[in-house]
Amino acid sequence: MTFSYPNHPFIIAELSGNHNGDINRAFRLIDAAKASGADAVKLQTYTADTITIDHDGSEFLVDLPLWKGRKLYDLYQEAHTPWDWHPDLFAYAQKVGITIFSSPFDETAVDLLESLGAPLYKIASFELVDIPLIAYVARLKKPMIMSTGMANLEEISEAVNAAQKAGATDITLLHCVSEYPAPYSACDLKTMVELGRHFPNVRLGLSDHTMGTVVPIAAVALGAQVIEKHITLARADGGVDSAFSLEPQELAQLCEQTKISAQCLGRVDFEKSKQSAGRKYRPSLYVVKPIKKGDVFSHDNIRTIRPANGLAPKYLEQVLGQKAKQDIDFGTPLQMEMIDK
């Protein structure tokens, strides 16, 4: 399975646990992502036993608002995508014509995904400090996407360096705020721009947990080339991530508007304005009362008006007080050769 990024923002629809334990709902989510115009669907490949242990200690209880008080093991048991679904999900996505890949959370998950021909890999924000996992994925020399929601700049540098050292040449860093949902005030999209300054050879993007589509559209306007958003068929259906997920019509809006936002970026071009048809209506110096040879130019007989056939307005102070070299009719654009210097 080969992969290359499109020439528009790469939109990833994250299924996460919004299949709600029903593989047919997962198929419908893939259909919805495709119909909405997303470029890819992404899974999360783990089991409760590969990502944590079944322990009742207080440190194994979640202290995040959306899942507060739940045991890690129970949450992941509910949210995980069964591994025996993966072949069918990969086959279905290929049949409908949408890229499918996943976030592995340990090496056994990577091995499973490789057996299915995964075209690229995502390292989740929580796993950005798992340098052995990053190196294991990087050795495959496939495109890598890494979320930065939990990491400081030093940790991000360690992750990028580890990936590059292990052989990764196509890396995307996703700015991310790991709050669920994330408030707009916490987005700090300038951090994404700063990531580009620190890591000039990586692709930039956003893994977004805010409500709606405003933030990713703004991110694309700042240069994001990859956008990841969770998708659900309907938030009212519930599910572990449904509260901050997009419904299909919202995902369609996101896909359309991010493409427009990217087009608006364009390129640096200060010459395009010279081709504007409106340039001929810019102001210039015109004779607004008949002038006889020898008359003095003044505010009374010359003015800055539209259109642009006369001298540029910057010459006004230079012309005032000078004498006319010839008779000049009302409505004549003033030229240098009309001035007796």
C-alpha atoms as a PDB file:
ATOM      1  CA  MET A   1       0.000   0.000   0.000  1.00  0.00           C
ATOM      2  CA  THR A   2       1.749   3.170  -1.179  1.00  0.00           C
ATOM      3  CA  PHE A   3       1.055   6.630   0.169  1.00  0.00           C
ATOM      4  CA  SER A   4       1.733  10.248  -0.740  1.00  0.00           C
ATOM      5  CA  TYR A   5       0.258  13.415   0.691  1.00  0.00           C
ATOM      6  CA  PRO A   6      -2.269  15.325  -1.456  1.00  0.00           C
ATOM      7  CA  ASN A   7      -1.736  18.921  -2.559  1.00  0.00           C
ATOM      8  CA  HIS A   8      -4.423  20.109  -0.139  1.00  0.00           C
ATOM      9  CA  PRO A   9      -4.620  19.797   3.663  1.00  0.00           C
ATOM     10  CA  PHE A  10      -4.598  16.102   4.582  1.00  0.00           C
ATOM     11  CA  ILE A  11      -7.740  15.524   6.649  1.00  0.00           C
ATOM     12  CA  ILE A  12      -7.721  12.566   9.021  1.00  0.00           C
ATOM     13  CA  ALA A  13     -10.990  11.294  10.495  1.00  0.00           C
ATOM     14  CA  GLU A  14     -10.111   9.631  13.799  1.00  0.00           C
ATOM     15  CA  LEU A  15     -12.479   6.760  14.614  1.00  0.00           C
ATOM     16  CA  SER A  16     -11.018   6.098  18.079  1.00  0.00           C
ATOM     17  CA  GLY A  17     -13.645   4.362  20.215  1.00  0.00           C
ATOM     18  CA  ASN A  18     -16.653   5.919  18.482  1.00  0.00           C
ATOM     19  CA  HIS A  19     -17.490   2.581  16.888  1.00  0.00           C
ATOM     20  CA  ASN A  20     -19.083   1.862  20.294  1.00  0.00           C
ATOM     21  CA  GLY A  21     -18.114  -1.788  20.066  1.00  0.00           C
ATOM     22  CA  ASP A  22     -19.987  -2.407  16.809  1.00  0.00           C
ATOM     23  CA  ILE A  23     -17.970  -3.234  13.689  1.00  0.00           C
ATOM     24  CA  ASN A  24     -20.882  -2.265  11.448  1.00  0.00           C
ATOM     25  CA  ARG A  25     -20.851   1.171  13.021  1.00  0.00           C
ATOM     26  CA  ALA A  26     -17.109   1.308  12.263  1.00  0.00           C
ATOM     27  CA  PHE A  27     -17.906   0.534   8.607  1.00  0.00           C
ATOM     28  CA  ARG A  28     -20.486   3.336   8.616  1.00  0.00           C
ATOM     29  CA  LEU A  29     -17.915   5.728  10.076  1.00  0.00           C
ATOM     30  CA  ILE A  30     -15.538   4.869   7.238  1.00  0.00           C
ATOM     31  CA  ASP A  31     -18.353   5.507   4.746  1.00  0.00           C
ATOM     32  CA  ALA A  32     -19.108   8.843   6.428  1.00  0.00           C
ATOM     33  CA  ALA A  33     -15.458   9.894   6.338  1.00  0.00           C
ATOM     34  CA  LYS A  34     -15.218   9.081   2.649  1.00  0.00           C
ATOM     35  CA  ALA A  35     -18.490  10.840   1.799  1.00  0.00           C
ATOM     36  CA  SER A  36     -17.435  13.915   3.768  1.00  0.00           C
ATOM     37  CA  GLY A  37     -14.247  14.298   1.742  1.00  0.00           C
ATOM     38  CA  ALA A  38     -11.710  13.205   4.367  1.00  0.00           C
ATOM     39  CA  ASP A  39      -8.445  11.824   3.026  1.00  0.00           C
ATOM     40  CA  ALA A  40      -7.961   9.132   5.653  1.00  0.00           C
ATOM     41  CA  VAL A  41      -9.486   7.292   8.561  1.00  0.00           C
ATOM     42  CA  LYS A  42      -7.353   6.431  11.543  1.00  0.00           C
ATOM     43  CA  LEU A  43      -7.693   3.690  14.110  1.00  0.00           C
ATOM     44  CA  GLN A  44      -6.019   3.173  17.461  1.00  0.00           C
ATOM     45  CA  THR A  45      -4.375  -0.218  17.800  1.00  0.00           C
ATOM     46  CA  TYR A  46      -4.111  -1.449  21.368  1.00  0.00           C
ATOM     47  CA  THR A  47      -5.852  -3.684  23.841  1.00  0.00           C
ATOM     48  CA  ALA A  48      -6.430  -2.956  27.505  1.00  0.00           C
ATOM     49  CA  ASP A  49      -3.655  -5.440  28.273  1.00  0.00           C
ATOM     50  CA  THR A  50      -1.107  -3.937  25.846  1.00  0.00           C
ATOM     51  CA  ILE A  51      -1.622  -0.375  27.033  1.00  0.00           C
ATOM     52  CA  THR A  52      -1.993  -0.826  30.812  1.00  0.00           C
ATOM     53  CA  ILE A  53      -2.676  -3.454  33.503  1.00  0.00           C
ATOM     54  CA  ASP A  54      -5.831  -4.341  35.374  1.00  0.00           C
ATOM     55  CA  HIS A  55      -5.005  -2.720  38.705  1.00  0.00           C
ATOM     56  CA  ASP A  56      -7.159  -0.947  41.286  1.00  0.00           C
ATOM     57  CA  GLY A  57      -4.480   1.458  42.504  1.00  0.00           C
ATOM     58  CA  SER A  58      -5.367   5.148  42.596  1.00  0.00           C
ATOM     59  CA  GLU A  59      -2.794   5.944  39.926  1.00  0.00           C
ATOM     60  CA  PHE A  60      -4.761   3.713  37.541  1.00  0.00           C
ATOM     61  CA  LEU A  61      -7.876   5.880  37.894  1.00  0.00           C
ATOM     62  CA  VAL A  62      -8.490   8.598  35.286  1.00  0.00           C
ATOM     63  CA  ASP A  63      -8.533  12.181  36.522  1.00  0.00           C
ATOM     64  CA  LEU A  64      -9.662  13.823  33.263  1.00  0.00           C
ATOM     65  CA  PRO A  65     -13.132  15.455  33.287  1.00  0.00           C
ATOM     66  CA  LEU A  66     -14.686  13.389  30.502  1.00  0.00           C
ATOM     67  CA  TRP A  67     -13.724  10.047  32.067  1.00  0.00           C
ATOM     68  CA  LYS A  68     -13.088  11.054  35.685  1.00  0.00           C
ATOM     69  CA  GLY A  69     -12.990   8.181  38.161  1.00  0.00           C
ATOM     70  CA  ARG A  70     -12.899   5.421  35.580  1.00  0.00           C
ATOM     71  CA  LYS A  71     -10.219   2.748  35.778  1.00  0.00           C
ATOM     72  CA  LEU A  72      -7.731   2.933  32.905  1.00  0.00           C
ATOM     73  CA  TYR A  73      -8.146  -0.745  32.143  1.00  0.00           C
ATOM     74  CA  ASP A  74     -11.942  -0.514  31.937  1.00  0.00           C
ATOM     75  CA  LEU A  75     -11.834   2.626  29.770  1.00  0.00           C
ATOM     76  CA  TYR A  76      -9.438   1.056  27.295  1.00  0.00           C
ATOM     77  CA  GLN A  77     -11.376  -2.195  27.314  1.00  0.00           C
ATOM     78  CA  GLU A  78     -14.426  -0.226  26.189  1.00  0.00           C
ATOM     79  CA  ALA A  79     -12.649   2.068  23.729  1.00  0.00           C
ATOM     80  CA  HIS A  80     -10.251  -0.269  21.950  1.00  0.00           C
ATOM     81  CA  THR A  81     -10.770  -1.458  18.402  1.00  0.00           C
ATOM     82  CA  PRO A  82     -10.609  -5.265  18.476  1.00  0.00           C
ATOM     83  CA  TRP A  83      -7.570  -6.551  16.640  1.00  0.00           C
ATOM     84  CA  ASP A  84      -9.590  -9.134  14.767  1.00  0.00           C
ATOM     85  CA  TRP A  85     -11.564  -6.241  13.211  1.00  0.00           C
ATOM     86  CA  HIS A  86      -8.447  -4.707  11.683  1.00  0.00           C
ATOM     87  CA  PRO A  87      -8.204  -6.864   8.529  1.00  0.00           C
ATOM     88  CA  ASP A  88     -11.864  -6.210   7.711  1.00  0.00           C
ATOM     89  CA  LEU A  89     -11.583  -2.476   8.405  1.00  0.00           C
ATOM     90  CA  PHE A  90      -8.469  -2.159   6.251  1.00  0.00           C
ATOM     91  CA  ALA A  91     -10.119  -4.116   3.443  1.00  0.00           C
ATOM     92  CA  TYR A  92     -13.309  -2.055   3.665  1.00  0.00           C
ATOM     93  CA  ALA A  93     -11.457   1.272   3.563  1.00  0.00           C
ATOM     94  CA  GLN A  94      -9.505   0.109   0.528  1.00  0.00           C
ATOM     95  CA  LYS A  95     -12.756  -0.940  -1.152  1.00  0.00           C
ATOM     96  CA  VAL A  96     -14.372   2.481  -0.677  1.00  0.00           C
ATOM     97  CA  GLY A  97     -11.174   4.263  -1.638  1.00  0.00           C
ATOM     98  CA  ILE A  98      -9.924   5.994   1.494  1.00  0.00           C
ATOM     99  CA  THR A  99      -6.527   5.722   3.179  1.00  0.00           C
ATOM    100  CA  ILE A 100      -6.564   3.837   6.468  1.00  0.00           C
ATOM    101  CA  PHE A 101      -3.828   3.729   9.096  1.00  0.00           C
ATOM    102  CA  SER A 102      -3.471   3.664  12.852  1.00  0.00           C
ATOM    103  CA  SER A 103      -1.712   4.725  16.026  1.00  0.00           C
ATOM    104  CA  PRO A 104       0.116   1.717  17.480  1.00  0.00           C
ATOM    105  CA  PHE A 105       0.782   1.726  21.204  1.00  0.00           C
ATOM    106  CA  ASP A 106       3.351  -1.035  21.371  1.00  0.00           C
ATOM    107  CA  GLU A 107       5.524  -3.108  19.051  1.00  0.00           C
ATOM    108  CA  THR A 108       2.996  -5.923  18.695  1.00  0.00           C
ATOM    109  CA  ALA A 109       0.505  -3.389  17.352  1.00  0.00           C
ATOM    110  CA  VAL A 110       3.096  -2.210  14.813  1.00  0.00           C
ATOM    111  CA  ASP A 111       3.621  -5.798  13.705  1.00  0.00           C
ATOM    112  CA  LEU A 112      -0.115  -6.264  13.193  1.00  0.00           C
ATOM    113  CA  LEU A 113      -0.396  -3.054  11.174  1.00  0.00           C
ATOM    114  CA  GLU A 114       2.605  -3.986   9.052  1.00  0.00           C
ATOM    115  CA  SER A 115       0.982  -7.306   8.217  1.00  0.00           C
ATOM    116  CA  LEU A 116      -1.970  -5.313   6.873  1.00  0.00           C
ATOM    117  CA  GLY A 117       0.205  -2.997   4.785  1.00  0.00           C
ATOM    118  CA  ALA A 118      -0.309   0.184   6.803  1.00  0.00           C
ATOM    119  CA  PRO A 119       0.953   3.046   4.595  1.00  0.00           C
ATOM    120  CA  LEU A 120       1.925   5.411   7.426  1.00  0.00           C
ATOM    121  CA  TYR A 121       1.922   5.596  11.217  1.00  0.00           C
ATOM    122  CA  LYS A 122       0.801   7.983  13.929  1.00  0.00           C
ATOM    123  CA  ILE A 123       2.451   8.324  17.335  1.00  0.00           C
ATOM    124  CA  ALA A 124      -0.080   9.602  19.861  1.00  0.00           C
ATOM    125  CA  SER A 125       0.647  12.512  22.185  1.00  0.00           C
ATOM    126  CA  PHE A 126       0.859  10.239  25.224  1.00  0.00           C
ATOM    127  CA  GLU A 127       3.411   7.984  23.474  1.00  0.00           C
ATOM    128  CA  LEU A 128       5.749  10.751  22.257  1.00  0.00           C
ATOM    129  CA  VAL A 129       8.071   9.891  25.160  1.00  0.00           C
ATOM    130  CA  ASP A 130       8.148   6.209  24.127  1.00  0.00           C
ATOM    131  CA  ILE A 131      11.436   6.488  22.247  1.00  0.00           C
ATOM    132  CA  PRO A 132      11.776   2.707  21.676  1.00  0.00           C
ATOM    133  CA  LEU A 133       8.325   2.642  20.024  1.00  0.00           C
ATOM    134  CA  ILE A 134       9.192   5.658  17.872  1.00  0.00           C
ATOM    135  CA  ALA A 135      12.437   4.029  16.744  1.00  0.00           C
ATOM    136  CA  TYR A 136      10.631   0.746  16.004  1.00  0.00           C
ATOM    137  CA  VAL A 137       8.178   2.553  13.717  1.00  0.00           C
ATOM    138  CA  ALA A 138      10.860   4.770  12.155  1.00  0.00           C
ATOM    139  CA  ARG A 139      12.884   1.748  11.028  1.00  0.00           C
ATOM    140  CA  LEU A 140      10.034   0.921   8.654  1.00  0.00           C
ATOM    141  CA  LYS A 141      10.920   4.119   6.743  1.00  0.00           C
ATOM    142  CA  LYS A 142       7.267   5.021   6.229  1.00  0.00           C
ATOM    143  CA  PRO A 143       5.745   8.479   6.791  1.00  0.00           C
ATOM    144  CA  MET A 144       5.328   9.229  10.480  1.00  0.00           C
ATOM    145  CA  ILE A 145       2.931  11.620  12.174  1.00  0.00           C
ATOM    146  CA  MET A 146       3.623  12.532  15.795  1.00  0.00           C
ATOM    147  CA  SER A 147       1.336  14.480  18.133  1.00  0.00           C
ATOM    148  CA  THR A 148       2.938  16.823  20.640  1.00  0.00           C
ATOM    149  CA  GLY A 149       0.075  17.414  23.078  1.00  0.00           C
ATOM    150  CA  MET A 150       1.882  16.171  26.175  1.00  0.00           C
ATOM    151  CA  ALA A 151       5.443  17.179  25.337  1.00  0.00           C
ATOM    152  CA  ASN A 152       7.746  20.097  25.974  1.00  0.00           C
ATOM    153  CA  LEU A 153      10.231  21.275  23.351  1.00  0.00           C
ATOM    154  CA  GLU A 154      13.027  19.053  24.665  1.00  0.00           C
ATOM    155  CA  GLU A 155      10.818  15.962  24.493  1.00  0.00           C
ATOM    156  CA  ILE A 156       9.679  16.839  20.981  1.00  0.00           C
ATOM    157  CA  SER A 157      13.321  17.213  19.937  1.00  0.00           C
ATOM    158  CA  GLU A 158      14.165  13.822  21.438  1.00  0.00           C
ATOM    159  CA  ALA A 159      11.295  12.204  19.541  1.00  0.00           C
ATOM    160  CA  VAL A 160      12.213  13.800  16.212  1.00  0.00           C
ATOM    161  CA  ASN A 161      15.878  12.962  16.655  1.00  0.00           C
ATOM    162  CA  ALA A 162      15.071   9.358  17.543  1.00  0.00           C
ATOM    163  CA  ALA A 163      12.854   8.979  14.484  1.00  0.00           C
ATOM    164  CA  GLN A 164      15.420  10.497  12.163  1.00  0.00           C
ATOM    165  CA  LYS A 165      18.258   8.463  13.643  1.00  0.00           C
ATOM    166  CA  ALA A 166      16.239   5.268  13.074  1.00  0.00           C
ATOM    167  CA  GLY A 167      15.621   6.127   9.432  1.00  0.00           C
ATOM    168  CA  ALA A 168      12.469   8.249   9.210  1.00  0.00           C
ATOM    169  CA  THR A 169      12.669  10.876   6.483  1.00  0.00           C
ATOM    170  CA  ASP A 170       9.015  11.968   6.262  1.00  0.00           C
ATOM    171  CA  ILE A 171       7.888  13.363   9.620  1.00  0.00           C
ATOM    172  CA  THR A 172       4.825  15.418  10.477  1.00  0.00           C
ATOM    173  CA  LEU A 173       4.447  17.126  13.851  1.00  0.00           C
ATOM    174  CA  LEU A 174       0.923  17.844  15.017  1.00  0.00           C
ATOM    175  CA  HIS A 175       0.391  20.640  17.482  1.00  0.00           C
ATOM    176  CA  CYS A 176      -2.130  19.331  19.983  1.00  0.00           C
ATOM    177  CA  VAL A 177      -3.856  20.393  23.180  1.00  0.00           C
ATOM    178  CA  SER A 178      -4.622  17.245  25.152  1.00  0.00           C
ATOM    179  CA  GLU A 179      -7.836  18.423  26.745  1.00  0.00           C
ATOM    180  CA  TYR A 180     -11.144  16.756  25.925  1.00  0.00           C
ATOM    181  CA  PRO A 181     -12.757  18.915  24.706  1.00  0.00           C
ATOM    182  CA  ALA A 182     -10.108  21.626  24.467  1.00  0.00           C
ATOM    183  CA  PRO A 183     -11.221  25.245  25.040  1.00  0.00           C
ATOM    184  CA  TYR A 184     -10.443  27.735  22.290  1.00  0.00           C
ATOM    185  CA  SER A 185      -8.398  29.819  24.718  1.00  0.00           C
ATOM    186  CA  ALA A 186      -5.955  26.927  25.184  1.00  0.00           C
ATOM    187  CA  CYS A 187      -5.243  26.330  21.497  1.00  0.00           C
ATOM    188  CA  ASP A 188      -2.131  28.523  21.199  1.00  0.00           C
ATOM    189  CA  LEU A 189      -1.795  27.994  17.453  1.00  0.00           C
ATOM    190  CA  LYS A 190       1.301  30.186  17.488  1.00  0.00           C
ATOM    191  CA  THR A 191       3.018  27.180  19.049  1.00  0.00           C
ATOM    192  CA  MET A 192       2.448  25.278  15.809  1.00  0.00           C
ATOM    193  CA  VAL A 193       4.153  28.061  13.880  1.00  0.00           C
ATOM    194  CA  GLU A 194       7.045  27.966  16.345  1.00  0.00           C
ATOM    195  CA  LEU A 195       7.378  24.212  15.816  1.00  0.00           C
ATOM    196  CA  GLY A 196       8.078  24.978  12.190  1.00  0.00           C
ATOM    197  CA  ARG A 197      10.866  27.335  13.189  1.00  0.00           C
ATOM    198  CA  HIS A 198      12.508  24.728  15.410  1.00  0.00           C
ATOM    199  CA  PHE A 199      11.981  21.843  12.986  1.00  0.00           C
ATOM    200  CA  PRO A 200      12.178  23.300   9.467  1.00  0.00           C
ATOM    201  CA  ASN A 201      12.338  19.915   7.743  1.00  0.00           C
ATOM    202  CA  VAL A 202       9.060  18.509   9.068  1.00  0.00           C
ATOM    203  CA  ARG A 203       5.470  18.916   7.951  1.00  0.00           C
ATOM    204  CA  LEU A 204       3.188  20.796  10.357  1.00  0.00           C
ATOM    205  CA  GLY A 205      -0.355  20.036  11.372  1.00  0.00           C
ATOM    206  CA  LEU A 206      -2.949  20.031  14.119  1.00  0.00           C
ATOM    207  CA  SER A 207      -4.618  17.298  16.118  1.00  0.00           C
ATOM    208  CA  ASP A 208      -7.683  19.153  17.305  1.00  0.00           C
ATOM    209  CA  HIS A 209      -9.991  18.397  20.220  1.00  0.00           C
ATOM    210  CA  THR A 210     -11.998  21.631  20.214  1.00  0.00           C
ATOM    211  CA  MET A 211     -15.653  21.727  19.329  1.00  0.00           C
ATOM    212  CA  GLY A 212     -16.466  22.640  15.746  1.00  0.00           C
ATOM    213  CA  THR A 213     -14.236  23.545  12.808  1.00  0.00           C
ATOM    214  CA  VAL A 214     -12.970  27.070  13.493  1.00  0.00           C
ATOM    215  CA  VAL A 215      -9.629  26.104  15.016  1.00  0.00           C
ATOM    216  CA  PRO A 216      -8.437  23.718  12.282  1.00  0.00           C
ATOM    217  CA  ILE A 217      -9.431  26.229   9.595  1.00  0.00           C
ATOM    218  CA  ALA A 218      -7.370  28.862  11.400  1.00  0.00           C
ATOM    219  CA  ALA A 219      -4.493  26.375  11.689  1.00  0.00           C
ATOM    220  CA  VAL A 220      -4.501  25.797   7.933  1.00  0.00           C
ATOM    221  CA  ALA A 221      -4.342  29.556   7.443  1.00  0.00           C
ATOM    222  CA  LEU A 222      -1.182  29.473   9.572  1.00  0.00           C
ATOM    223  CA  GLY A 223       0.361  26.710   7.488  1.00  0.00           C
ATOM    224  CA  ALA A 224      -1.000  23.410   8.820  1.00  0.00           C
ATOM    225  CA  GLN A 225      -0.854  20.700   6.153  1.00  0.00           C
ATOM    226  CA  VAL A 226      -2.407  17.892   8.222  1.00  0.00           C
ATOM    227  CA  ILE A 227      -5.585  18.082  10.310  1.00  0.00           C
ATOM    228  CA  GLU A 228      -6.853  15.327  12.571  1.00  0.00           C
ATOM    229  CA  LYS A 229     -10.366  15.384  14.059  1.00  0.00           C
ATOM    230  CA  HIS A 230     -12.425  12.713  15.800  1.00  0.00           C
ATOM    231  CA  ILE A 231     -15.567  11.659  13.948  1.00  0.00           C
ATOM    232  CA  THR A 232     -18.850  10.175  15.159  1.00  0.00           C
ATOM    233  CA  LEU A 233     -22.111   9.402  13.409  1.00  0.00           C
ATOM    234  CA  ALA A 234     -23.977  11.440  16.035  1.00  0.00           C
ATOM    235  CA  ARG A 235     -22.787  12.876  19.339  1.00  0.00           C
ATOM    236  CA  ALA A 236     -26.154  11.904  20.834  1.00  0.00           C
ATOM    237  CA  ASP A 237     -25.246   8.242  20.303  1.00  0.00           C
ATOM    238  CA  GLY A 238     -22.628   8.499  23.031  1.00  0.00           C
ATOM    239  CA  GLY A 239     -19.240   6.830  23.098  1.00  0.00           C
ATOM    240  CA  VAL A 240     -15.948   7.484  24.822  1.00  0.00           C
ATOM    241  CA  ASP A 241     -14.922  10.353  22.497  1.00  0.00           C
ATOM    242  CA  SER A 242     -18.268  11.459  21.100  1.00  0.00           C
ATOM    243  CA  ALA A 243     -18.456  14.677  23.142  1.00  0.00           C
ATOM    244  CA  PHE A 244     -15.675  16.358  21.149  1.00  0.00           C
ATOM    245  CA  SER A 245     -16.136  14.560  17.816  1.00  0.00           C
ATOM    246  CA  LEU A 246     -17.454  15.964  14.547  1.00  0.00           C
ATOM    247  CA  GLU A 247     -20.621  14.666  12.986  1.00  0.00           C
ATOM    248  CA  PRO A 248     -20.446  13.848   9.236  1.00  0.00           C
ATOM    249  CA  GLN A 249     -21.896  17.145   8.001  1.00  0.00           C
ATOM    250  CA  GLU A 250     -19.382  19.034  10.158  1.00  0.00           C
ATOM    251  CA  LEU A 251     -16.535  16.953   8.796  1.00  0.00           C
ATOM    252  CA  ALA A 252     -17.696  17.776   5.261  1.00  0.00           C
ATOM    253  CA  GLN A 253     -17.658  21.468   6.160  1.00  0.00           C
ATOM    254  CA  LEU A 254     -14.158  21.094   7.573  1.00  0.00           C
ATOM    255  CA  CYS A 255     -12.864  19.386   4.434  1.00  0.00           C
ATOM    256  CA  GLU A 256     -14.306  22.090   2.190  1.00  0.00           C
ATOM    257  CA  GLN A 257     -13.269  25.080   4.262  1.00  0.00           C
ATOM    258  CA  THR A 258      -9.719  23.925   4.962  1.00  0.00           C
ATOM    259  CA  LYS A 259      -9.142  23.620   1.215  1.00  0.00           C
ATOM    260  CA  ILE A 260     -10.367  27.189   0.770  1.00  0.00           C
ATOM    261  CA  SER A 261      -8.205  28.354   3.658  1.00  0.00           C
ATOM    262  CA  ALA A 262      -5.157  26.699   2.107  1.00  0.00           C
ATOM    263  CA  GLN A 263      -5.854  28.306  -1.259  1.00  0.00           C
ATOM    264  CA  CYS A 264      -6.011  31.699   0.425  1.00  0.00           C
ATOM    265  CA  LEU A 265      -2.448  31.255   1.675  1.00  0.00           C
ATOM    266  CA  GLY A 266      -1.138  31.321  -1.881  1.00  0.00           C
ATOM    267  CA  ARG A 267       2.450  32.524  -2.158  1.00  0.00           C
ATOM    268  CA  VAL A 268       4.489  35.643  -1.474  1.00  0.00           C
ATOM    269  CA  ASP A 269       3.845  37.882  -4.477  1.00  0.00           C
ATOM    270  CA  PHE A 270       4.222  41.651  -4.454  1.00  0.00           C
ATOM    271  CA  GLU A 271       4.074  41.832  -8.245  1.00  0.00           C
ATOM    272  CA  LYS A 272       0.541  40.539  -8.702  1.00  0.00           C
ATOM    273  CA  SER A 273      -0.876  43.950  -7.758  1.00  0.00           C
ATOM    274  CA  LYS A 274       0.832  45.491 -10.790  1.00  0.00           C
ATOM    275  CA  GLN A 275      -1.487  43.442 -12.980  1.00  0.00           C
ATOM    276  CA  SER A 276      -4.659  44.724 -11.329  1.00  0.00           C
ATOM    277  CA  ALA A 277      -7.093  46.403 -13.707  1.00  0.00           C
ATOM    278  CA  GLY A 278      -7.953  48.809 -10.902  1.00  0.00           C
ATOM    279  CA  ARG A 279      -4.487  50.394 -10.923  1.00  0.00           C
ATOM    280  CA  LYS A 280      -5.578  52.867 -13.629  1.00  0.00           C
ATOM    281  CA  TYR A 281      -8.079  54.344 -11.179  1.00  0.00           C
ATOM    282  CA  ARG A 282      -5.549  55.183  -8.483  1.00  0.00           C
ATOM    283  CA  PRO A 283      -5.155  58.932  -7.736  1.00  0.00           C
ATOM    284  CA  SER A 284      -2.710  61.203  -9.532  1.00  0.00           C
ATOM    285  CA  LEU A 285      -2.141  64.936 -10.121  1.00  0.00           C
ATOM    286  CA  TYR A 286      -4.646  66.642 -12.439  1.00  0.00           C
ATOM    287  CA  VAL A 287      -5.230  70.216 -13.591  1.00  0.00           C
ATOM    288  CA  VAL A 288      -8.597  71.268 -12.144  1.00  0.00           C
ATOM    289  CA  LYS A 289      -8.695  74.857 -13.525  1.00  0.00           C
ATOM    290  CA  PRO A 290      -7.365  76.135 -16.870  1.00  0.00           C
ATOM    291  CA  ILE A 291      -3.727  77.202 -16.539  1.00  0.00           C
ATOM    292  CA  LYS A 292      -1.851  79.707 -18.725  1.00  0.00           C
ATOM    293  CA  LYS A 293       1.851  79.523 -19.499  1.00  0.00           C
ATOM    294  CA  GLY A 294       3.731  81.082 -16.553  1.00  0.00           C
ATOM    295  CA  ASP A 295       0.952  80.533 -14.030  1.00  0.00           C
ATOM    296  CA  VAL A 296       2.055  79.167 -10.668  1.00  0.00           C
ATOM    297  CA  PHE A 297       0.853  75.697  -9.682  1.00  0.00           C
ATOM    298  CA  SER A 298      -1.215  75.825  -6.491  1.00  0.00           C
ATOM    299  CA  HIS A 299      -3.759  73.878  -4.534  1.00  0.00           C
ATOM    300  CA  ASP A 300      -6.338  75.902  -6.427  1.00  0.00           C
ATOM    301  CA  ASN A 301      -5.421  74.659  -9.905  1.00  0.00           C
ATOM    302  CA  ILE A 302      -4.000  71.167  -9.341  1.00  0.00           C
ATOM    303  CA  ARG A 303      -5.331  68.374  -7.142  1.00  0.00           C
ATOM    304  CA  THR A 304      -4.844  64.739  -6.320  1.00  0.00           C
ATOM    305  CA  ILE A 305      -7.794  62.968  -7.928  1.00  0.00           C
ATOM    306  CA  ARG A 306      -8.609  59.725  -9.669  1.00  0.00           C
ATOM    307  CA  PRO A 307      -7.685  58.334 -12.274  1.00  0.00           C
ATOM    308  CA  ALA A 308      -3.971  57.549 -12.489  1.00  0.00           C
ATOM    309  CA  ASN A 309      -2.821  59.196 -15.745  1.00  0.00           C
ATOM    310  CA  GLY A 310      -0.946  62.072 -14.135  1.00  0.00           C
ATOM    311  CA  LEU A 311       2.086  62.370 -11.893  1.00  0.00           C
ATOM    312  CA  ALA A 312       2.009  60.319  -8.706  1.00  0.00           C
ATOM    313  CA  PRO A 313       0.657  62.210  -5.652  1.00  0.00           C
ATOM    314  CA  LYS A 314       4.125  62.068  -4.046  1.00  0.00           C
ATOM    315  CA  TYR A 315       5.233  64.833  -6.447  1.00  0.00           C
ATOM    316  CA  LEU A 316       2.605  67.342  -5.229  1.00  0.00           C
ATOM    317  CA  GLU A 317       4.868  69.277  -2.829  1.00  0.00           C
ATOM    318  CA  GLN A 318       7.613  69.371  -5.473  1.00  0.00           C
ATOM    319  CA  VAL A 319       5.242  70.850  -8.082  1.00  0.00           C
ATOM    320  CA  LEU A 320       3.514  73.456  -5.892  1.00  0.00           C
ATOM    321  CA  GLY A 321       5.071  76.902  -6.464  1.00  0.00           C
ATOM    322  CA  GLN A 322       6.546  75.942  -9.831  1.00  0.00           C
ATOM    323  CA  LYS A 323       5.410  77.661 -13.052  1.00  0.00           C
ATOM    324  CA  ALA A 324       3.605  76.184 -16.009  1.00  0.00           C
ATOM    325  CA  LYS A 325       5.739  75.744 -19.119  1.00  0.00           C
ATOM    326  CA  GLN A 326       2.640  75.853 -21.367  1.00  0.00           C
ATOM    327  CA  ASP A 327      -1.096  76.398 -21.410  1.00  0.00           C
ATOM    328  CA  ILE A 328      -2.896  73.449 -19.805  1.00  0.00           C
ATOM    329  CA  ASP A 329      -6.583  72.683 -20.148  1.00  0.00           C
ATOM    330  CA  PHE A 330      -8.947  71.741 -17.343  1.00  0.00           C
ATOM    331  CA  GLY A 331      -8.968  67.976 -16.775  1.00  0.00           C
ATOM    332  CA  THR A 332      -5.430  67.388 -18.107  1.00  0.00           C
ATOM    333  CA  PRO A 333      -3.246  64.885 -16.261  1.00  0.00           C
ATOM    334  CA  LEU A 334      -0.157  66.746 -15.093  1.00  0.00           C
ATOM    335  CA  GLN A 335       3.201  65.614 -16.542  1.00  0.00           C
ATOM    336  CA  MET A 336       6.756  66.656 -15.709  1.00  0.00           C
ATOM    337  CA  GLU A 337       7.285  68.189 -19.163  1.00  0.00           C
ATOM    338  CA  MET A 338       4.517  70.721 -18.401  1.00  0.00           C
ATOM    339  CA  ILE A 339       6.528  72.205 -15.536  1.00  0.00           C
ATOM    340  CA  ASP A 340       9.042  75.006 -16.086  1.00  0.00           C
ATOM    341  CA  LYS A 341      11.890  74.132 -13.790  1.00  0.00           C
END
